[in-house]
Amino acid sequence: MGHCIKPLFALTLTLTLGGCAALREDPSDWLGKDKIAHFTASAALAAAAADQLDSGSRSDCGSAALSVGVAMTFGAGKEYYDENYAGKYWSYKDMAVNLLGALTGSLAASRCL
């Protein structure tokens, strides 16, 4: 699993902070209803991706890392949409919850551990 950690860390850091160039104040609540939706959606996406990727020729840990990347990409796309089209803001709190959900779903579905 050690070879998965560096690229996974770089990817998640980039996606989590990508829209937060100024790291402005995020007024959203850490325990709001939308955080449950972000966690659940990210966990489901990562679990589905891990399940699909495990059937290939990748290592279990490689599949887990890629599935986190898939879920985080969708989360970053949602935040991009919020900031550029919905008149909202990029939420680093949403991205942090996305990461937690993605890691949970990925580890639950993969055989990495």
N, C-alpha and C. Protein backbone atom coordinates (compact mmCIF):
# COMPACT_ATOMS: atom_id res chain seq x y z
N MET A 1 0.82 -1.19 0.00
CA MET A 1 0.00 0.00 0.00
C MET A 1 0.86 1.26 0.00
N GLY A 2 2.11 1.17 0.41
CA GLY A 2 2.98 2.32 0.51
C GLY A 2 3.13 3.09 -0.78
N HIS A 3 3.15 2.40 -1.91
CA HIS A 3 3.31 3.09 -3.19
C HIS A 3 2.05 3.85 -3.58
N CYS A 4 0.93 3.61 -2.93
CA CYS A 4 -0.32 4.30 -3.23
C CYS A 4 -0.45 5.62 -2.48
N ILE A 5 0.24 5.75 -1.37
CA ILE A 5 0.01 6.87 -0.47
C ILE A 5 0.40 8.22 -1.07
N LYS A 6 1.59 8.34 -1.65
CA LYS A 6 2.03 9.64 -2.17
C LYS A 6 1.13 10.17 -3.28
N PRO A 7 0.82 9.38 -4.32
CA PRO A 7 -0.07 9.92 -5.35
C PRO A 7 -1.47 10.21 -4.82
N LEU A 8 -1.97 9.38 -3.92
CA LEU A 8 -3.29 9.61 -3.34
C LEU A 8 -3.30 10.88 -2.52
N PHE A 9 -2.27 11.11 -1.74
CA PHE A 9 -2.19 12.33 -0.94
C PHE A 9 -2.13 13.57 -1.84
N ALA A 10 -1.31 13.51 -2.89
CA ALA A 10 -1.19 14.66 -3.80
C ALA A 10 -2.51 14.94 -4.50
N LEU A 11 -3.20 13.89 -4.94
CA LEU A 11 -4.47 14.07 -5.62
C LEU A 11 -5.52 14.66 -4.69
N THR A 12 -5.65 14.12 -3.51
CA THR A 12 -6.68 14.61 -2.60
C THR A 12 -6.38 16.02 -2.12
N LEU A 13 -5.13 16.34 -1.90
CA LEU A 13 -4.78 17.70 -1.49
C LEU A 13 -5.12 18.69 -2.60
N THR A 14 -4.79 18.33 -3.83
CA THR A 14 -5.09 19.20 -4.97
C THR A 14 -6.59 19.40 -5.14
N LEU A 15 -7.35 18.31 -5.07
CA LEU A 15 -8.79 18.42 -5.26
C LEU A 15 -9.47 19.12 -4.09
N THR A 16 -8.98 18.90 -2.89
CA THR A 16 -9.60 19.51 -1.72
C THR A 16 -9.37 21.01 -1.68
N LEU A 17 -8.17 21.43 -2.00
CA LEU A 17 -7.84 22.84 -1.90
C LEU A 17 -7.87 23.57 -3.24
N GLY A 18 -8.15 22.86 -4.31
CA GLY A 18 -8.09 23.44 -5.65
C GLY A 18 -8.91 24.68 -5.85
N GLY A 19 -10.09 24.73 -5.31
CA GLY A 19 -10.94 25.90 -5.48
C GLY A 19 -10.80 26.92 -4.38
N CYS A 20 -9.93 26.65 -3.45
CA CYS A 20 -9.80 27.51 -2.26
C CYS A 20 -8.53 28.33 -2.31
N ALA A 21 -8.26 28.97 -3.43
CA ALA A 21 -7.00 29.71 -3.56
C ALA A 21 -6.81 30.70 -2.43
N ALA A 22 -7.87 31.38 -2.05
CA ALA A 22 -7.76 32.37 -0.98
C ALA A 22 -8.17 31.79 0.38
N LEU A 23 -8.66 30.56 0.39
CA LEU A 23 -9.17 29.92 1.60
C LEU A 23 -10.07 30.87 2.38
N ARG A 24 -11.03 31.43 1.68
CA ARG A 24 -11.97 32.35 2.32
C ARG A 24 -12.83 31.59 3.32
N GLU A 25 -13.52 32.35 4.12
CA GLU A 25 -14.37 31.77 5.15
C GLU A 25 -15.46 30.89 4.53
N ASP A 26 -15.65 29.73 5.09
CA ASP A 26 -16.68 28.80 4.64
C ASP A 26 -17.80 28.82 5.68
N PRO A 27 -18.93 29.46 5.37
CA PRO A 27 -19.98 29.62 6.37
C PRO A 27 -20.82 28.36 6.64
N SER A 28 -20.59 27.30 5.89
CA SER A 28 -21.41 26.11 6.07
C SER A 28 -21.11 25.42 7.40
N ASP A 29 -22.10 24.71 7.89
CA ASP A 29 -21.99 24.00 9.16
C ASP A 29 -21.31 22.65 8.93
N TRP A 30 -20.39 22.26 9.80
CA TRP A 30 -19.70 20.98 9.67
C TRP A 30 -20.67 19.80 9.77
N LEU A 31 -21.77 19.96 10.47
CA LEU A 31 -22.70 18.86 10.67
C LEU A 31 -24.05 19.09 9.99
N GLY A 32 -24.07 19.87 8.94
CA GLY A 32 -25.30 20.17 8.22
C GLY A 32 -25.80 18.98 7.41
N LYS A 33 -27.05 19.07 6.96
CA LYS A 33 -27.66 18.00 6.17
C LYS A 33 -26.89 17.74 4.88
N ASP A 34 -26.34 18.79 4.29
CA ASP A 34 -25.63 18.59 3.03
C ASP A 34 -24.34 17.79 3.24
N LYS A 35 -23.78 17.82 4.43
CA LYS A 35 -22.57 17.04 4.69
C LYS A 35 -22.88 15.55 4.67
N ILE A 36 -24.07 15.18 5.15
CA ILE A 36 -24.48 13.78 5.09
C ILE A 36 -24.60 13.34 3.64
N ALA A 37 -25.16 14.20 2.81
CA ALA A 37 -25.29 13.89 1.38
C ALA A 37 -23.92 13.77 0.72
N HIS A 38 -23.00 14.67 1.05
CA HIS A 38 -21.65 14.60 0.49
C HIS A 38 -20.95 13.31 0.92
N PHE A 39 -21.04 12.97 2.20
CA PHE A 39 -20.39 11.75 2.70
C PHE A 39 -20.98 10.52 2.01
N THR A 40 -22.29 10.44 1.95
CA THR A 40 -22.96 9.27 1.38
C THR A 40 -22.66 9.12 -0.11
N ALA A 41 -22.74 10.21 -0.84
CA ALA A 41 -22.48 10.15 -2.28
C ALA A 41 -21.03 9.75 -2.55
N SER A 42 -20.10 10.32 -1.81
CA SER A 42 -18.68 9.99 -2.02
C SER A 42 -18.39 8.54 -1.64
N ALA A 43 -18.98 8.07 -0.55
CA ALA A 43 -18.78 6.68 -0.14
C ALA A 43 -19.34 5.72 -1.19
N ALA A 44 -20.52 6.03 -1.70
CA ALA A 44 -21.14 5.17 -2.72
C ALA A 44 -20.32 5.17 -4.01
N LEU A 45 -19.89 6.34 -4.45
CA LEU A 45 -19.08 6.41 -5.67
C LEU A 45 -17.77 5.66 -5.52
N ALA A 46 -17.10 5.84 -4.40
CA ALA A 46 -15.82 5.16 -4.18
C ALA A 46 -16.01 3.66 -4.07
N ALA A 47 -17.05 3.22 -3.38
CA ALA A 47 -17.30 1.79 -3.25
C ALA A 47 -17.60 1.16 -4.61
N ALA A 48 -18.41 1.83 -5.42
CA ALA A 48 -18.73 1.32 -6.75
C ALA A 48 -17.48 1.28 -7.63
N ALA A 49 -16.67 2.32 -7.56
CA ALA A 49 -15.45 2.36 -8.36
C ALA A 49 -14.47 1.28 -7.90
N ALA A 50 -14.32 1.10 -6.59
CA ALA A 50 -13.41 0.07 -6.07
C ALA A 50 -13.87 -1.31 -6.50
N ASP A 51 -15.17 -1.54 -6.46
CA ASP A 51 -15.71 -2.83 -6.88
C ASP A 51 -15.41 -3.10 -8.35
N GLN A 52 -15.59 -2.10 -9.19
CA GLN A 52 -15.32 -2.26 -10.62
C GLN A 52 -13.83 -2.41 -10.90
N LEU A 53 -13.02 -1.63 -10.20
CA LEU A 53 -11.58 -1.67 -10.44
C LEU A 53 -10.92 -2.93 -9.89
N ASP A 54 -11.50 -3.52 -8.84
CA ASP A 54 -10.94 -4.75 -8.28
C ASP A 54 -11.04 -5.92 -9.25
N SER A 55 -11.97 -5.87 -10.17
CA SER A 55 -12.13 -6.97 -11.10
C SER A 55 -11.08 -6.94 -12.21
N GLY A 56 -10.27 -5.89 -12.25
CA GLY A 56 -9.24 -5.77 -13.28
C GLY A 56 -7.92 -6.35 -12.81
N SER A 57 -6.86 -5.92 -13.43
CA SER A 57 -5.53 -6.47 -13.13
C SER A 57 -4.76 -5.61 -12.14
N ARG A 58 -5.39 -4.60 -11.56
CA ARG A 58 -4.72 -3.72 -10.60
C ARG A 58 -4.60 -4.41 -9.24
N SER A 59 -3.68 -3.92 -8.46
CA SER A 59 -3.58 -4.41 -7.09
C SER A 59 -4.78 -3.88 -6.31
N ASP A 60 -5.08 -4.53 -5.19
CA ASP A 60 -6.21 -4.10 -4.38
C ASP A 60 -6.02 -2.67 -3.89
N CYS A 61 -4.81 -2.33 -3.48
CA CYS A 61 -4.54 -0.98 -2.97
C CYS A 61 -4.56 0.04 -4.10
N GLY A 62 -4.12 -0.36 -5.27
CA GLY A 62 -4.20 0.54 -6.41
C GLY A 62 -5.64 0.84 -6.77
N SER A 63 -6.49 -0.16 -6.68
CA SER A 63 -7.92 0.04 -6.93
C SER A 63 -8.53 0.96 -5.89
N ALA A 64 -8.13 0.80 -4.65
CA ALA A 64 -8.65 1.65 -3.57
C ALA A 64 -8.24 3.10 -3.80
N ALA A 65 -7.00 3.32 -4.16
CA ALA A 65 -6.52 4.68 -4.39
C ALA A 65 -7.23 5.32 -5.58
N LEU A 66 -7.39 4.57 -6.65
CA LEU A 66 -8.09 5.11 -7.82
C LEU A 66 -9.55 5.41 -7.52
N SER A 67 -10.18 4.57 -6.71
CA SER A 67 -11.59 4.80 -6.41
C SER A 67 -11.78 6.06 -5.58
N VAL A 68 -10.83 6.37 -4.70
CA VAL A 68 -10.89 7.63 -3.95
C VAL A 68 -10.76 8.80 -4.92
N GLY A 69 -9.87 8.67 -5.88
CA GLY A 69 -9.70 9.71 -6.89
C GLY A 69 -10.96 9.93 -7.71
N VAL A 70 -11.65 8.84 -8.05
CA VAL A 70 -12.91 8.96 -8.80
C VAL A 70 -13.93 9.74 -7.99
N ALA A 71 -14.12 9.36 -6.74
CA ALA A 71 -15.12 10.04 -5.90
C ALA A 71 -14.74 11.51 -5.68
N MET A 72 -13.47 11.78 -5.45
CA MET A 72 -13.03 13.16 -5.22
C MET A 72 -13.19 14.02 -6.47
N THR A 73 -13.02 13.42 -7.63
CA THR A 73 -13.21 14.15 -8.88
C THR A 73 -14.67 14.59 -9.02
N PHE A 74 -15.59 13.70 -8.70
CA PHE A 74 -17.00 14.08 -8.73
C PHE A 74 -17.29 15.17 -7.70
N GLY A 75 -16.71 15.05 -6.51
CA GLY A 75 -16.90 16.08 -5.48
C GLY A 75 -16.36 17.43 -5.91
N ALA A 76 -15.18 17.41 -6.53
CA ALA A 76 -14.60 18.67 -7.02
C ALA A 76 -15.46 19.26 -8.14
N GLY A 77 -16.03 18.40 -8.97
CA GLY A 77 -16.92 18.88 -10.02
C GLY A 77 -18.16 19.54 -9.45
N LYS A 78 -18.69 18.99 -8.37
CA LYS A 78 -19.86 19.58 -7.71
C LYS A 78 -19.51 20.94 -7.12
N GLU A 79 -18.35 21.05 -6.51
CA GLU A 79 -17.94 22.33 -5.93
C GLU A 79 -17.66 23.36 -7.03
N TYR A 80 -17.08 22.92 -8.13
CA TYR A 80 -16.86 23.82 -9.28
C TYR A 80 -18.19 24.35 -9.79
N TYR A 81 -19.16 23.45 -9.92
CA TYR A 81 -20.49 23.87 -10.36
C TYR A 81 -21.09 24.88 -9.38
N ASP A 82 -21.01 24.59 -8.09
CA ASP A 82 -21.55 25.50 -7.08
C ASP A 82 -20.95 26.89 -7.21
N GLU A 83 -19.65 26.95 -7.37
CA GLU A 83 -18.97 28.25 -7.40
C GLU A 83 -19.20 29.00 -8.70
N ASN A 84 -19.23 28.30 -9.82
CA ASN A 84 -19.27 28.97 -11.11
C ASN A 84 -20.65 29.10 -11.74
N TYR A 85 -21.59 28.27 -11.32
CA TYR A 85 -22.90 28.30 -11.97
C TYR A 85 -24.07 28.45 -11.00
N ALA A 86 -23.92 28.02 -9.78
CA ALA A 86 -25.03 28.05 -8.83
C ALA A 86 -25.00 29.27 -7.92
N GLY A 87 -24.00 30.12 -8.08
CA GLY A 87 -23.92 31.32 -7.26
C GLY A 87 -23.53 31.06 -5.82
N LYS A 88 -22.92 29.91 -5.57
CA LYS A 88 -22.50 29.56 -4.21
C LYS A 88 -20.98 29.71 -4.13
N TYR A 89 -20.35 28.97 -3.29
CA TYR A 89 -18.92 29.07 -3.08
C TYR A 89 -18.32 27.67 -3.01
N TRP A 90 -17.01 27.59 -3.25
CA TRP A 90 -16.28 26.34 -3.12
C TRP A 90 -16.13 26.07 -1.64
N SER A 91 -16.61 24.93 -1.18
CA SER A 91 -16.59 24.61 0.24
C SER A 91 -15.51 23.58 0.55
N TYR A 92 -14.48 24.02 1.27
CA TYR A 92 -13.45 23.07 1.68
C TYR A 92 -14.02 22.10 2.71
N LYS A 93 -15.04 22.50 3.43
CA LYS A 93 -15.68 21.57 4.39
C LYS A 93 -16.39 20.45 3.63
N ASP A 94 -17.06 20.79 2.54
CA ASP A 94 -17.69 19.75 1.72
C ASP A 94 -16.63 18.80 1.17
N MET A 95 -15.51 19.35 0.72
CA MET A 95 -14.46 18.50 0.17
C MET A 95 -13.82 17.60 1.24
N ALA A 96 -13.70 18.11 2.45
CA ALA A 96 -13.16 17.29 3.54
C ALA A 96 -14.11 16.13 3.84
N VAL A 97 -15.40 16.41 3.85
CA VAL A 97 -16.38 15.35 4.08
C VAL A 97 -16.41 14.39 2.89
N ASN A 98 -16.24 14.91 1.68
CA ASN A 98 -16.13 14.04 0.50
C ASN A 98 -14.96 13.08 0.66
N LEU A 99 -13.84 13.58 1.12
CA LEU A 99 -12.66 12.74 1.31
C LEU A 99 -12.92 11.65 2.34
N LEU A 100 -13.54 12.01 3.44
CA LEU A 100 -13.85 11.02 4.47
C LEU A 100 -14.79 9.95 3.92
N GLY A 101 -15.81 10.36 3.18
CA GLY A 101 -16.72 9.39 2.57
C GLY A 101 -16.02 8.52 1.54
N ALA A 102 -15.18 9.12 0.72
CA ALA A 102 -14.47 8.37 -0.32
C ALA A 102 -13.54 7.33 0.30
N LEU A 103 -12.83 7.70 1.34
CA LEU A 103 -11.94 6.75 2.01
C LEU A 103 -12.75 5.62 2.65
N THR A 104 -13.86 5.96 3.25
CA THR A 104 -14.71 4.95 3.89
C THR A 104 -15.26 3.97 2.86
N GLY A 105 -15.83 4.48 1.78
CA GLY A 105 -16.39 3.62 0.75
C GLY A 105 -15.34 2.77 0.06
N SER A 106 -14.19 3.37 -0.20
CA SER A 106 -13.11 2.65 -0.87
C SER A 106 -12.59 1.50 -0.02
N LEU A 107 -12.35 1.77 1.25
CA LEU A 107 -11.83 0.72 2.12
C LEU A 107 -12.87 -0.36 2.42
N ALA A 108 -14.13 0.03 2.45
CA ALA A 108 -15.19 -0.94 2.69
C ALA A 108 -15.35 -1.91 1.51
N ALA A 109 -15.15 -1.41 0.30
CA ALA A 109 -15.37 -2.23 -0.88
C ALA A 109 -14.13 -2.94 -1.40
N SER A 110 -12.96 -2.43 -1.06
CA SER A 110 -11.73 -3.04 -1.60
C SER A 110 -11.19 -4.07 -0.60
N ARG A 111 -10.22 -4.80 -1.08
CA ARG A 111 -9.54 -5.78 -0.21
C ARG A 111 -8.15 -5.32 0.14
N CYS A 112 -8.01 -4.01 0.30
CA CYS A 112 -6.70 -3.42 0.53
C CYS A 112 -6.18 -3.67 1.95
N LEU A 113 -7.07 -3.70 2.92
CA LEU A 113 -6.64 -3.86 4.30
C LEU A 113 -6.29 -5.26 4.61
